[in-house]
Amino acid sequence: SLTGFADWITSFGRSYDFLISYSLWDELSRGWVYLLISIFYI
């Protein structure tokens, strides 16, 4: 949404103690194979 788009922009100005969230890292560890297949497909 446009509201989500505005939140995405303002989030760049916030500071965190980590570069990537645990939930994304966990999902990446399980789905990296599908990601590579997708890149090959397109």
PDB file of all heavy atoms in Angstrom:
ATOM      1  N   SER A   1       0.839  -1.199   0.000  1.00  0.00           N
ATOM      2  CA  SER A   1       0.000   0.000   0.000  1.00  0.00           C
ATOM      3  C   SER A   1       0.870   1.243   0.000  1.00  0.00           C
ATOM      4  O   SER A   1       2.087   1.181   0.240  1.00  0.00           O
ATOM      5  CB  SER A   1      -0.932   0.019   1.217  1.00  0.00           C
ATOM      6  OG  SER A   1      -0.170   0.158   2.400  1.00  0.00           O
ATOM      7  N   LEU A   2       0.268   2.389  -0.231  1.00  0.00           N
ATOM      8  CA  LEU A   2       1.006   3.641  -0.181  1.00  0.00           C
ATOM      9  C   LEU A   2       1.469   3.941   1.235  1.00  0.00           C
ATOM     10  O   LEU A   2       2.541   4.522   1.438  1.00  0.00           O
ATOM     11  CB  LEU A   2       0.129   4.781  -0.705  1.00  0.00           C
ATOM     12  CG  LEU A   2      -0.292   4.676  -2.185  1.00  0.00           C
ATOM     13  CD1 LEU A   2      -1.147   5.871  -2.572  1.00  0.00           C
ATOM     14  CD2 LEU A   2       0.915   4.572  -3.092  1.00  0.00           C
ATOM     15  N   THR A   3       0.674   3.529   2.230  1.00  0.00           N
ATOM     16  CA  THR A   3       1.087   3.700   3.624  1.00  0.00           C
ATOM     17  C   THR A   3       2.312   2.845   3.922  1.00  0.00           C
ATOM     18  O   THR A   3       3.266   3.286   4.561  1.00  0.00           O
ATOM     19  CB  THR A   3      -0.058   3.319   4.573  1.00  0.00           C
ATOM     20  OG1 THR A   3      -1.208   4.105   4.257  1.00  0.00           O
ATOM     21  CG2 THR A   3       0.337   3.558   6.026  1.00  0.00           C
ATOM     22  N   GLY A   4       2.286   1.599   3.432  1.00  0.00           N
ATOM     23  CA  GLY A   4       3.440   0.728   3.613  1.00  0.00           C
ATOM     24  C   GLY A   4       4.665   1.262   2.898  1.00  0.00           C
ATOM     25  O   GLY A   4       5.789   1.135   3.387  1.00  0.00           O
ATOM     26  N   PHE A   5       4.446   1.885   1.739  1.00  0.00           N
ATOM     27  CA  PHE A   5       5.544   2.484   0.989  1.00  0.00           C
ATOM     28  C   PHE A   5       6.186   3.610   1.797  1.00  0.00           C
ATOM     29  O   PHE A   5       7.422   3.727   1.860  1.00  0.00           O
ATOM     30  CB  PHE A   5       5.001   3.001  -0.342  1.00  0.00           C
ATOM     31  CG  PHE A   5       6.000   3.784  -1.157  1.00  0.00           C
ATOM     32  CD1 PHE A   5       7.096   3.145  -1.728  1.00  0.00           C
ATOM     33  CD2 PHE A   5       5.842   5.144  -1.344  1.00  0.00           C
ATOM     34  CE1 PHE A   5       8.013   3.863  -2.484  1.00  0.00           C
ATOM     35  CE2 PHE A   5       6.752   5.863  -2.103  1.00  0.00           C
ATOM     36  CZ  PHE A   5       7.844   5.222  -2.668  1.00  0.00           C
ATOM     37  N   ALA A   6       5.357   4.435   2.450  1.00  0.00           N
ATOM     38  CA  ALA A   6       5.883   5.524   3.288  1.00  0.00           C
ATOM     39  C   ALA A   6       6.654   4.965   4.483  1.00  0.00           C
ATOM     40  O   ALA A   6       7.716   5.483   4.850  1.00  0.00           O
ATOM     41  CB  ALA A   6       4.737   6.418   3.759  1.00  0.00           C
ATOM     42  N   ASP A   7       6.138   3.912   5.105  1.00  0.00           N
ATOM     43  CA  ASP A   7       6.840   3.280   6.228  1.00  0.00           C
ATOM     44  C   ASP A   7       8.183   2.702   5.788  1.00  0.00           C
ATOM     45  O   ASP A   7       9.162   2.744   6.535  1.00  0.00           O
ATOM     46  CB  ASP A   7       5.975   2.170   6.836  1.00  0.00           C
ATOM     47  CG  ASP A   7       4.748   2.713   7.542  1.00  0.00           C
ATOM     48  OD1 ASP A   7       4.768   3.913   7.899  1.00  0.00           O
ATOM     49  OD2 ASP A   7       3.776   1.955   7.730  1.00  0.00           O
ATOM     50  N   TRP A   8       8.215   2.143   4.578  1.00  0.00           N
ATOM     51  CA  TRP A   8       9.458   1.566   4.044  1.00  0.00           C
ATOM     52  C   TRP A   8      10.534   2.633   3.909  1.00  0.00           C
ATOM     53  O   TRP A   8      11.685   2.424   4.252  1.00  0.00           O
ATOM     54  CB  TRP A   8       9.164   0.932   2.685  1.00  0.00           C
ATOM     55  CG  TRP A   8      10.320   0.219   2.058  1.00  0.00           C
ATOM     56  CD1 TRP A   8      10.715  -1.069   2.261  1.00  0.00           C
ATOM     57  CD2 TRP A   8      11.235   0.765   1.096  1.00  0.00           C
ATOM     58  NE1 TRP A   8      11.809  -1.371   1.488  1.00  0.00           N
ATOM     59  CE2 TRP A   8      12.156  -0.266   0.764  1.00  0.00           C
ATOM     60  CE3 TRP A   8      11.369   2.009   0.481  1.00  0.00           C
ATOM     61  CZ2 TRP A   8      13.190  -0.079  -0.150  1.00  0.00           C
ATOM     62  CZ3 TRP A   8      12.398   2.211  -0.427  1.00  0.00           C
ATOM     63  CH2 TRP A   8      13.285   1.168  -0.732  1.00  0.00           C
ATOM     64  N   ILE A   9      10.140   3.823   3.442  1.00  0.00           N
ATOM     65  CA  ILE A   9      11.106   4.907   3.258  1.00  0.00           C
ATOM     66  C   ILE A   9      11.620   5.396   4.611  1.00  0.00           C
ATOM     67  O   ILE A   9      12.821   5.589   4.806  1.00  0.00           O
ATOM     68  CB  ILE A   9      10.433   6.056   2.491  1.00  0.00           C
ATOM     69  CG1 ILE A   9      10.078   5.569   1.110  1.00  0.00           C
ATOM     70  CG2 ILE A   9      11.314   7.287   2.478  1.00  0.00           C
ATOM     71  CD1 ILE A   9      10.358   6.352  -0.039  1.00  0.00           C
ATOM     72  N   THR A  10      10.697   5.610   5.574  1.00  0.00           N
ATOM     73  CA  THR A  10      11.110   6.146   6.876  1.00  0.00           C
ATOM     74  C   THR A  10      11.929   5.139   7.673  1.00  0.00           C
ATOM     75  O   THR A  10      12.702   5.531   8.555  1.00  0.00           O
ATOM     76  CB  THR A  10       9.877   6.546   7.696  1.00  0.00           C
ATOM     77  OG1 THR A  10       8.988   5.412   7.813  1.00  0.00           O
ATOM     78  CG2 THR A  10       9.120   7.688   7.024  1.00  0.00           C
ATOM     79  N   SER A  11      11.792   3.846   7.389  1.00  0.00           N
ATOM     80  CA  SER A  11      12.546   2.827   8.121  1.00  0.00           C
ATOM     81  C   SER A  11      14.043   2.922   7.876  1.00  0.00           C
ATOM     82  O   SER A  11      14.838   2.454   8.694  1.00  0.00           O
ATOM     83  CB  SER A  11      12.060   1.427   7.743  1.00  0.00           C
ATOM     84  OG  SER A  11      10.738   1.210   8.180  1.00  0.00           O
ATOM     85  N   PHE A  12      14.449   3.528   6.754  1.00  0.00           N
ATOM     86  CA  PHE A  12      15.874   3.675   6.487  1.00  0.00           C
ATOM     87  C   PHE A  12      16.544   4.599   7.500  1.00  0.00           C
ATOM     88  O   PHE A  12      17.751   4.524   7.704  1.00  0.00           O
ATOM     89  CB  PHE A  12      16.106   4.218   5.070  1.00  0.00           C
ATOM     90  CG  PHE A  12      16.076   3.157   4.014  1.00  0.00           C
ATOM     91  CD1 PHE A  12      14.958   2.996   3.213  1.00  0.00           C
ATOM     92  CD2 PHE A  12      17.151   2.314   3.822  1.00  0.00           C
ATOM     93  CE1 PHE A  12      14.928   2.018   2.227  1.00  0.00           C
ATOM     94  CE2 PHE A  12      17.134   1.334   2.846  1.00  0.00           C
ATOM     95  CZ  PHE A  12      16.007   1.179   2.050  1.00  0.00           C
ATOM     96  N   GLY A  13      15.773   5.466   8.137  1.00  0.00           N
ATOM     97  CA  GLY A  13      16.358   6.386   9.115  1.00  0.00           C
ATOM     98  C   GLY A  13      16.448   5.824  10.518  1.00  0.00           C
ATOM     99  O   GLY A  13      17.000   6.472  11.411  1.00  0.00           O
ATOM    100  N   ARG A  14      15.921   4.629  10.732  1.00  0.00           N
ATOM    101  CA  ARG A  14      15.959   4.015  12.057  1.00  0.00           C
ATOM    102  C   ARG A  14      17.208   3.160  12.214  1.00  0.00           C
ATOM    103  O   ARG A  14      17.736   2.624  11.249  1.00  0.00           O
ATOM    104  CB  ARG A  14      14.711   3.166  12.284  1.00  0.00           C
ATOM    105  CG  ARG A  14      13.406   3.948  12.152  1.00  0.00           C
ATOM    106  CD  ARG A  14      12.220   3.008  12.152  1.00  0.00           C
ATOM    107  NE  ARG A  14      10.982   3.713  11.807  1.00  0.00           N
ATOM    108  CZ  ARG A  14       9.852   3.115  11.468  1.00  0.00           C
ATOM    109  NH1 ARG A  14       9.797   1.795  11.415  1.00  0.00           N
ATOM    110  NH2 ARG A  14       8.783   3.824  11.179  1.00  0.00           N
ATOM    111  N   SER A  15      17.667   3.026  13.430  1.00  0.00           N
ATOM    112  CA  SER A  15      18.872   2.227  13.696  1.00  0.00           C
ATOM    113  C   SER A  15      18.506   0.948  14.436  1.00  0.00           C
ATOM    114  O   SER A  15      17.634   0.942  15.300  1.00  0.00           O
ATOM    115  CB  SER A  15      19.869   3.033  14.536  1.00  0.00           C
ATOM    116  OG  SER A  15      19.287   3.404  15.776  1.00  0.00           O
ATOM    117  N   TYR A  16      19.175  -0.154  14.048  1.00  0.00           N
ATOM    118  CA  TYR A  16      18.973  -1.450  14.678  1.00  0.00           C
ATOM    119  C   TYR A  16      20.336  -2.049  15.034  1.00  0.00           C
ATOM    120  O   TYR A  16      21.363  -1.701  14.441  1.00  0.00           O
ATOM    121  CB  TYR A  16      18.215  -2.404  13.736  1.00  0.00           C
ATOM    122  CG  TYR A  16      16.804  -1.979  13.434  1.00  0.00           C
ATOM    123  CD1 TYR A  16      16.523  -1.162  12.348  1.00  0.00           C
ATOM    124  CD2 TYR A  16      15.747  -2.390  14.245  1.00  0.00           C
ATOM    125  CE1 TYR A  16      15.224  -0.771  12.061  1.00  0.00           C
ATOM    126  CE2 TYR A  16      14.439  -1.999  13.962  1.00  0.00           C
ATOM    127  CZ  TYR A  16      14.189  -1.190  12.872  1.00  0.00           C
ATOM    128  OH  TYR A  16      12.910  -0.794  12.594  1.00  0.00           O
ATOM    129  N   ASP A  17      20.322  -2.967  15.967  1.00  0.00           N
ATOM    130  CA  ASP A  17      21.565  -3.627  16.378  1.00  0.00           C
ATOM    131  C   ASP A  17      21.961  -4.753  15.426  1.00  0.00           C
ATOM    132  O   ASP A  17      23.015  -5.349  15.576  1.00  0.00           O
ATOM    133  CB  ASP A  17      21.434  -4.197  17.801  1.00  0.00           C
ATOM    134  CG  ASP A  17      21.238  -3.095  18.826  1.00  0.00           C
ATOM    135  OD1 ASP A  17      21.732  -1.975  18.576  1.00  0.00           O
ATOM    136  OD2 ASP A  17      20.589  -3.358  19.860  1.00  0.00           O
ATOM    137  N   PHE A  18      21.101  -5.045  14.444  1.00  0.00           N
ATOM    138  CA  PHE A  18      21.379  -6.133  13.512  1.00  0.00           C
ATOM    139  C   PHE A  18      20.989  -5.687  12.106  1.00  0.00           C
ATOM    140  O   PHE A  18      20.132  -4.827  11.921  1.00  0.00           O
ATOM    141  CB  PHE A  18      20.604  -7.397  13.906  1.00  0.00           C
ATOM    142  CG  PHE A  18      19.183  -7.136  14.301  1.00  0.00           C
ATOM    143  CD1 PHE A  18      18.174  -7.131  13.361  1.00  0.00           C
ATOM    144  CD2 PHE A  18      18.845  -6.861  15.631  1.00  0.00           C
ATOM    145  CE1 PHE A  18      16.861  -6.884  13.710  1.00  0.00           C
ATOM    146  CE2 PHE A  18      17.525  -6.611  15.986  1.00  0.00           C
ATOM    147  CZ  PHE A  18      16.532  -6.621  15.035  1.00  0.00           C
ATOM    148  N   LEU A  19      21.636  -6.274  11.093  1.00  0.00           N
ATOM    149  CA  LEU A  19      21.387  -5.903   9.702  1.00  0.00           C
ATOM    150  C   LEU A  19      20.226  -6.656   9.091  1.00  0.00           C
ATOM    151  O   LEU A  19      19.615  -6.201   8.129  1.00  0.00           O
ATOM    152  CB  LEU A  19      22.650  -6.148   8.861  1.00  0.00           C
ATOM    153  CG  LEU A  19      23.839  -5.246   9.160  1.00  0.00           C
ATOM    154  CD1 LEU A  19      25.044  -5.660   8.331  1.00  0.00           C
ATOM    155  CD2 LEU A  19      23.506  -3.784   8.914  1.00  0.00           C
ATOM    156  N   ILE A  20      19.908  -7.837   9.601  1.00  0.00           N
ATOM    157  CA  ILE A  20      18.850  -8.679   9.060  1.00  0.00           C
ATOM    158  C   ILE A  20      18.084  -9.308  10.213  1.00  0.00           C
ATOM    159  O   ILE A  20      18.670  -9.661  11.248  1.00  0.00           O
ATOM    160  CB  ILE A  20      19.447  -9.766   8.134  1.00  0.00           C
ATOM    161  CG1 ILE A  20      18.342 -10.530   7.400  1.00  0.00           C
ATOM    162  CG2 ILE A  20      20.354 -10.709   8.893  1.00  0.00           C
ATOM    163  CD1 ILE A  20      18.873 -11.473   6.334  1.00  0.00           C
ATOM    164  N   SER A  21      16.779  -9.432  10.068  1.00  0.00           N
ATOM    165  CA  SER A  21      15.964  -9.995  11.144  1.00  0.00           C
ATOM    166  C   SER A  21      16.132 -11.509  11.217  1.00  0.00           C
ATOM    167  O   SER A  21      16.469 -12.169  10.219  1.00  0.00           O
ATOM    168  CB  SER A  21      14.491  -9.657  10.922  1.00  0.00           C
ATOM    169  OG  SER A  21      13.999 -10.292   9.760  1.00  0.00           O
ATOM    170  N   TYR A  22      15.873 -12.054  12.398  1.00  0.00           N
ATOM    171  CA  TYR A  22      16.024 -13.501  12.585  1.00  0.00           C
ATOM    172  C   TYR A  22      15.027 -14.271  11.724  1.00  0.00           C
ATOM    173  O   TYR A  22      15.353 -15.311  11.158  1.00  0.00           O
ATOM    174  CB  TYR A  22      15.820 -13.864  14.054  1.00  0.00           C
ATOM    175  CG  TYR A  22      15.798 -15.359  14.291  1.00  0.00           C
ATOM    176  CD1 TYR A  22      16.983 -16.094  14.322  1.00  0.00           C
ATOM    177  CD2 TYR A  22      14.584 -16.039  14.455  1.00  0.00           C
ATOM    178  CE1 TYR A  22      16.959 -17.469  14.521  1.00  0.00           C
ATOM    179  CE2 TYR A  22      14.556 -17.409  14.651  1.00  0.00           C
ATOM    180  CZ  TYR A  22      15.745 -18.118  14.673  1.00  0.00           C
ATOM    181  OH  TYR A  22      15.727 -19.474  14.862  1.00  0.00           O
ATOM    182  N   SER A  23      13.788 -13.763  11.614  1.00  0.00           N
ATOM    183  CA  SER A  23      12.760 -14.468  10.838  1.00  0.00           C
ATOM    184  C   SER A  23      13.161 -14.574   9.366  1.00  0.00           C
ATOM    185  O   SER A  23      12.964 -15.613   8.727  1.00  0.00           O
ATOM    186  CB  SER A  23      11.411 -13.758  10.967  1.00  0.00           C
ATOM    187  OG  SER A  23      11.511 -12.411  10.522  1.00  0.00           O
ATOM    188  N   LEU A  24      13.766 -13.503   8.806  1.00  0.00           N
ATOM    189  CA  LEU A  24      14.199 -13.551   7.408  1.00  0.00           C
ATOM    190  C   LEU A  24      15.381 -14.498   7.254  1.00  0.00           C
ATOM    191  O   LEU A  24      15.449 -15.270   6.278  1.00  0.00           O
ATOM    192  CB  LEU A  24      14.581 -12.156   6.930  1.00  0.00           C
ATOM    193  CG  LEU A  24      15.133 -12.069   5.495  1.00  0.00           C
ATOM    194  CD1 LEU A  24      14.160 -12.678   4.506  1.00  0.00           C
ATOM    195  CD2 LEU A  24      15.447 -10.624   5.126  1.00  0.00           C
ATOM    196  N   TRP A  25      16.326 -14.460   8.206  1.00  0.00           N
ATOM    197  CA  TRP A  25      17.476 -15.362   8.138  1.00  0.00           C
ATOM    198  C   TRP A  25      17.026 -16.822   8.200  1.00  0.00           C
ATOM    199  O   TRP A  25      17.536 -17.673   7.463  1.00  0.00           O
ATOM    200  CB  TRP A  25      18.448 -15.059   9.269  1.00  0.00           C
ATOM    201  CG  TRP A  25      19.636 -15.970   9.308  1.00  0.00           C
ATOM    202  CD1 TRP A  25      19.849 -17.032  10.126  1.00  0.00           C
ATOM    203  CD2 TRP A  25      20.773 -15.907   8.441  1.00  0.00           C
ATOM    204  NE1 TRP A  25      21.031 -17.648   9.849  1.00  0.00           N
ATOM    205  CE2 TRP A  25      21.637 -16.963   8.813  1.00  0.00           C
ATOM    206  CE3 TRP A  25      21.160 -15.059   7.402  1.00  0.00           C
ATOM    207  CZ2 TRP A  25      22.844 -17.199   8.175  1.00  0.00           C
ATOM    208  CZ3 TRP A  25      22.368 -15.287   6.774  1.00  0.00           C
ATOM    209  CH2 TRP A  25      23.192 -16.344   7.152  1.00  0.00           C
ATOM    210  N   ASP A  26      16.055 -17.100   9.051  1.00  0.00           N
ATOM    211  CA  ASP A  26      15.540 -18.461   9.181  1.00  0.00           C
ATOM    212  C   ASP A  26      14.852 -18.913   7.898  1.00  0.00           C
ATOM    213  O   ASP A  26      15.034 -20.041   7.442  1.00  0.00           O
ATOM    214  CB  ASP A  26      14.565 -18.523  10.360  1.00  0.00           C
ATOM    215  CG  ASP A  26      14.020 -19.932  10.588  1.00  0.00           C
ATOM    216  OD1 ASP A  26      14.831 -20.863  10.771  1.00  0.00           O
ATOM    217  OD2 ASP A  26      12.787 -20.094  10.558  1.00  0.00           O
ATOM    218  N   GLU A  27      14.085 -18.003   7.280  1.00  0.00           N
ATOM    219  CA  GLU A  27      13.395 -18.341   6.030  1.00  0.00           C
ATOM    220  C   GLU A  27      14.394 -18.516   4.885  1.00  0.00           C
ATOM    221  O   GLU A  27      14.230 -19.389   4.031  1.00  0.00           O
ATOM    222  CB  GLU A  27      12.383 -17.251   5.684  1.00  0.00           C
ATOM    223  CG  GLU A  27      11.361 -17.625   4.631  1.00  0.00           C
ATOM    224  CD  GLU A  27      10.443 -18.748   5.071  1.00  0.00           C
ATOM    225  OE1 GLU A  27       9.873 -18.644   6.164  1.00  0.00           O
ATOM    226  OE2 GLU A  27      10.319 -19.731   4.303  1.00  0.00           O
ATOM    227  N   LEU A  28      15.438 -17.684   4.871  1.00  0.00           N
ATOM    228  CA  LEU A  28      16.467 -17.805   3.850  1.00  0.00           C
ATOM    229  C   LEU A  28      17.223 -19.127   3.951  1.00  0.00           C
ATOM    230  O   LEU A  28      17.558 -19.740   2.932  1.00  0.00           O
ATOM    231  CB  LEU A  28      17.464 -16.645   3.959  1.00  0.00           C
ATOM    232  CG  LEU A  28      17.188 -15.394   3.127  1.00  0.00           C
ATOM    233  CD1 LEU A  28      18.168 -14.287   3.477  1.00  0.00           C
ATOM    234  CD2 LEU A  28      17.233 -15.709   1.646  1.00  0.00           C
ATOM    235  N   SER A  29      17.477 -19.570   5.185  1.00  0.00           N
ATOM    236  CA  SER A  29      18.199 -20.831   5.371  1.00  0.00           C
ATOM    237  C   SER A  29      17.407 -22.018   4.842  1.00  0.00           C
ATOM    238  O   SER A  29      17.979 -23.045   4.467  1.00  0.00           O
ATOM    239  CB  SER A  29      18.524 -21.034   6.856  1.00  0.00           C
ATOM    240  OG  SER A  29      17.338 -21.170   7.619  1.00  0.00           O
ATOM    241  N   ARG A  30      16.081 -21.881   4.782  1.00  0.00           N
ATOM    242  CA  ARG A  30      15.246 -22.963   4.276  1.00  0.00           C
ATOM    243  C   ARG A  30      14.888 -22.791   2.803  1.00  0.00           C
ATOM    244  O   ARG A  30      14.610 -23.783   2.113  1.00  0.00           O
ATOM    245  CB  ARG A  30      13.937 -23.040   5.085  1.00  0.00           C
ATOM    246  CG  ARG A  30      14.125 -23.510   6.522  1.00  0.00           C
ATOM    247  CD  ARG A  30      12.798 -23.576   7.253  1.00  0.00           C
ATOM    248  NE  ARG A  30      12.221 -22.247   7.429  1.00  0.00           N
ATOM    249  CZ  ARG A  30      11.012 -22.024   7.932  1.00  0.00           C
ATOM    250  NH1 ARG A  30      10.234 -23.037   8.267  1.00  0.00           N
ATOM    251  NH2 ARG A  30      10.579 -20.799   8.077  1.00  0.00           N
ATOM    252  N   GLY A  31      14.891 -21.554   2.309  1.00  0.00           N
ATOM    253  CA  GLY A  31      14.406 -21.324   0.947  1.00  0.00           C
ATOM    254  C   GLY A  31      15.434 -20.846  -0.055  1.00  0.00           C
ATOM    255  O   GLY A  31      15.060 -20.432  -1.161  1.00  0.00           O
ATOM    256  N   TRP A  32      16.734 -20.923   0.282  1.00  0.00           N
ATOM    257  CA  TRP A  32      17.747 -20.404  -0.640  1.00  0.00           C
ATOM    258  C   TRP A  32      17.811 -21.211  -1.936  1.00  0.00           C
ATOM    259  O   TRP A  32      18.119 -20.661  -2.998  1.00  0.00           O
ATOM    260  CB  TRP A  32      19.122 -20.372   0.036  1.00  0.00           C
ATOM    261  CG  TRP A  32      19.680 -21.719   0.401  1.00  0.00           C
ATOM    262  CD1 TRP A  32      19.482 -22.394   1.566  1.00  0.00           C
ATOM    263  CD2 TRP A  32      20.511 -22.553  -0.417  1.00  0.00           C
ATOM    264  NE1 TRP A  32      20.133 -23.597   1.546  1.00  0.00           N
ATOM    265  CE2 TRP A  32      20.785 -23.723   0.338  1.00  0.00           C
ATOM    266  CE3 TRP A  32      21.058 -22.437  -1.688  1.00  0.00           C
ATOM    267  CZ2 TRP A  32      21.553 -24.763  -0.152  1.00  0.00           C
ATOM    268  CZ3 TRP A  32      21.827 -23.467  -2.184  1.00  0.00           C
ATOM    269  CH2 TRP A  32      22.088 -24.616  -1.419  1.00  0.00           C
ATOM    270  N   VAL A  33      17.500 -22.512  -1.859  1.00  0.00           N
ATOM    271  CA  VAL A  33      17.510 -23.336  -3.070  1.00  0.00           C
ATOM    272  C   VAL A  33      16.433 -22.854  -4.049  1.00  0.00           C
ATOM    273  O   VAL A  33      16.675 -22.719  -5.257  1.00  0.00           O
ATOM    274  CB  VAL A  33      17.297 -24.824  -2.722  1.00  0.00           C
ATOM    275  CG1 VAL A  33      17.183 -25.644  -4.000  1.00  0.00           C
ATOM    276  CG2 VAL A  33      18.435 -25.334  -1.864  1.00  0.00           C
ATOM    277  N   TYR A  34      15.235 -22.590  -3.531  1.00  0.00           N
ATOM    278  CA  TYR A  34      14.145 -22.105  -4.376  1.00  0.00           C
ATOM    279  C   TYR A  34      14.474 -20.735  -4.957  1.00  0.00           C
ATOM    280  O   TYR A  34      14.079 -20.420  -6.088  1.00  0.00           O
ATOM    281  CB  TYR A  34      12.845 -22.040  -3.585  1.00  0.00           C
ATOM    282  CG  TYR A  34      12.450 -23.349  -2.962  1.00  0.00           C
ATOM    283  CD1 TYR A  34      12.513 -23.532  -1.588  1.00  0.00           C
ATOM    284  CD2 TYR A  34      12.033 -24.416  -3.740  1.00  0.00           C
ATOM    285  CE1 TYR A  34      12.151 -24.745  -1.009  1.00  0.00           C
ATOM    286  CE2 TYR A  34      11.675 -25.628  -3.182  1.00  0.00           C
ATOM    287  CZ  TYR A  34      11.748 -25.780  -1.807  1.00  0.00           C
ATOM    288  OH  TYR A  34      11.406 -26.976  -1.246  1.00  0.00           O
ATOM    289  N   LEU A  35      15.192 -19.924  -4.186  1.00  0.00           N
ATOM    290  CA  LEU A  35      15.601 -18.606  -4.667  1.00  0.00           C
ATOM    291  C   LEU A  35      16.540 -18.741  -5.862  1.00  0.00           C
ATOM    292  O   LEU A  35      16.381 -18.041  -6.871  1.00  0.00           O
ATOM    293  CB  LEU A  35      16.274 -17.826  -3.536  1.00  0.00           C
ATOM    294  CG  LEU A  35      16.767 -16.419  -3.880  1.00  0.00           C
ATOM    295  CD1 LEU A  35      15.610 -15.531  -4.314  1.00  0.00           C
ATOM    296  CD2 LEU A  35      17.484 -15.813  -2.676  1.00  0.00           C
ATOM    297  N   LEU A  36      17.502 -19.646  -5.774  1.00  0.00           N
ATOM    298  CA  LEU A  36      18.428 -19.869  -6.887  1.00  0.00           C
ATOM    299  C   LEU A  36      17.693 -20.403  -8.119  1.00  0.00           C
ATOM    300  O   LEU A  36      17.973 -19.997  -9.249  1.00  0.00           O
ATOM    301  CB  LEU A  36      19.530 -20.846  -6.461  1.00  0.00           C
ATOM    302  CG  LEU A  36      20.529 -20.339  -5.416  1.00  0.00           C
ATOM    303  CD1 LEU A  36      21.537 -21.432  -5.075  1.00  0.00           C
ATOM    304  CD2 LEU A  36      21.252 -19.092  -5.919  1.00  0.00           C
ATOM    305  N   ILE A  37      16.743 -21.321  -7.892  1.00  0.00           N
ATOM    306  CA  ILE A  37      15.957 -21.853  -9.011  1.00  0.00           C
ATOM    307  C   ILE A  37      15.156 -20.735  -9.682  1.00  0.00           C
ATOM    308  O   ILE A  37      15.057 -20.668 -10.912  1.00  0.00           O
ATOM    309  CB  ILE A  37      15.009 -22.969  -8.519  1.00  0.00           C
ATOM    310  CG1 ILE A  37      15.827 -24.181  -8.044  1.00  0.00           C
ATOM    311  CG2 ILE A  37      14.041 -23.383  -9.612  1.00  0.00           C
ATOM    312  CD1 ILE A  37      15.000 -25.265  -7.401  1.00  0.00           C
ATOM    313  N   SER A  38      14.602 -19.841  -8.881  1.00  0.00           N
ATOM    314  CA  SER A  38      13.818 -18.730  -9.413  1.00  0.00           C
ATOM    315  C   SER A  38      14.674 -17.798 -10.257  1.00  0.00           C
ATOM    316  O   SER A  38      14.256 -17.334 -11.327  1.00  0.00           O
ATOM    317  CB  SER A  38      13.166 -17.946  -8.265  1.00  0.00           C
ATOM    318  OG  SER A  38      12.315 -18.769  -7.509  1.00  0.00           O
ATOM    319  N   ILE A  39      15.884 -17.513  -9.767  1.00  0.00           N
ATOM    320  CA  ILE A  39      16.788 -16.636 -10.519  1.00  0.00           C
ATOM    321  C   ILE A  39      17.143 -17.269 -11.862  1.00  0.00           C
ATOM    322  O   ILE A  39      17.181 -16.603 -12.900  1.00  0.00           O
ATOM    323  CB  ILE A  39      18.052 -16.338  -9.692  1.00  0.00           C
ATOM    324  CG1 ILE A  39      17.682 -15.502  -8.463  1.00  0.00           C
ATOM    325  CG2 ILE A  39      19.089 -15.611 -10.537  1.00  0.00           C
ATOM    326  CD1 ILE A  39      18.820 -15.282  -7.496  1.00  0.00           C
ATOM    327  N   PHE A  40      17.385 -18.576 -11.851  1.00  0.00           N
ATOM    328  CA  PHE A  40      17.668 -19.278 -13.109  1.00  0.00           C
ATOM    329  C   PHE A  40      16.466 -19.212 -14.037  1.00  0.00           C
ATOM    330  O   PHE A  40      16.610 -19.001 -15.250  1.00  0.00           O
ATOM    331  CB  PHE A  40      18.028 -20.735 -12.817  1.00  0.00           C
ATOM    332  CG  PHE A  40      18.096 -21.595 -14.052  1.00  0.00           C
ATOM    333  CD1 PHE A  40      19.215 -21.577 -14.882  1.00  0.00           C
ATOM    334  CD2 PHE A  40      17.030 -22.419 -14.405  1.00  0.00           C
ATOM    335  CE1 PHE A  40      19.274 -22.357 -16.036  1.00  0.00           C
ATOM    336  CE2 PHE A  40      17.079 -23.206 -15.553  1.00  0.00           C
ATOM    337  CZ  PHE A  40      18.202 -23.172 -16.364  1.00  0.00           C
ATOM    338  N   TYR A  41      15.265 -19.358 -13.490  1.00  0.00           N
ATOM    339  CA  TYR A  41      14.046 -19.408 -14.303  1.00  0.00           C
ATOM    340  C   TYR A  41      13.795 -18.110 -15.042  1.00  0.00           C
ATOM    341  O   TYR A  41      13.326 -18.110 -16.197  1.00  0.00           O
ATOM    342  CB  TYR A  41      12.851 -19.739 -13.410  1.00  0.00           C
ATOM    343  CG  TYR A  41      11.558 -19.926 -14.166  1.00  0.00           C
ATOM    344  CD1 TYR A  41      11.322 -21.068 -14.918  1.00  0.00           C
ATOM    345  CD2 TYR A  41      10.561 -18.951 -14.126  1.00  0.00           C
ATOM    346  CE1 TYR A  41      10.141 -21.244 -15.619  1.00  0.00           C
ATOM    347  CE2 TYR A  41       9.378 -19.116 -14.815  1.00  0.00           C
ATOM    348  CZ  TYR A  41       9.165 -20.268 -15.561  1.00  0.00           C
ATOM    349  OH  TYR A  41       7.996 -20.424 -16.250  1.00  0.00           O
ATOM    350  N   ILE A  42      14.096 -16.974 -14.415  1.00  0.00           N
ATOM    351  CA  ILE A  42      13.814 -15.686 -15.055  1.00  0.00           C
ATOM    352  C   ILE A  42      15.022 -15.125 -15.802  1.00  0.00           C
ATOM    353  O   ILE A  42      14.916 -14.075 -16.431  1.00  0.00           O
ATOM    354  CB  ILE A  42      13.321 -14.647 -14.022  1.00  0.00           C
ATOM    355  CG1 ILE A  42      14.450 -14.310 -13.031  1.00  0.00           C
ATOM    356  CG2 ILE A  42      12.077 -15.119 -13.320  1.00  0.00           C
ATOM    357  CD1 ILE A  42      14.092 -13.201 -12.059  1.00  0.00           C
TER     358      ILE A  42
END
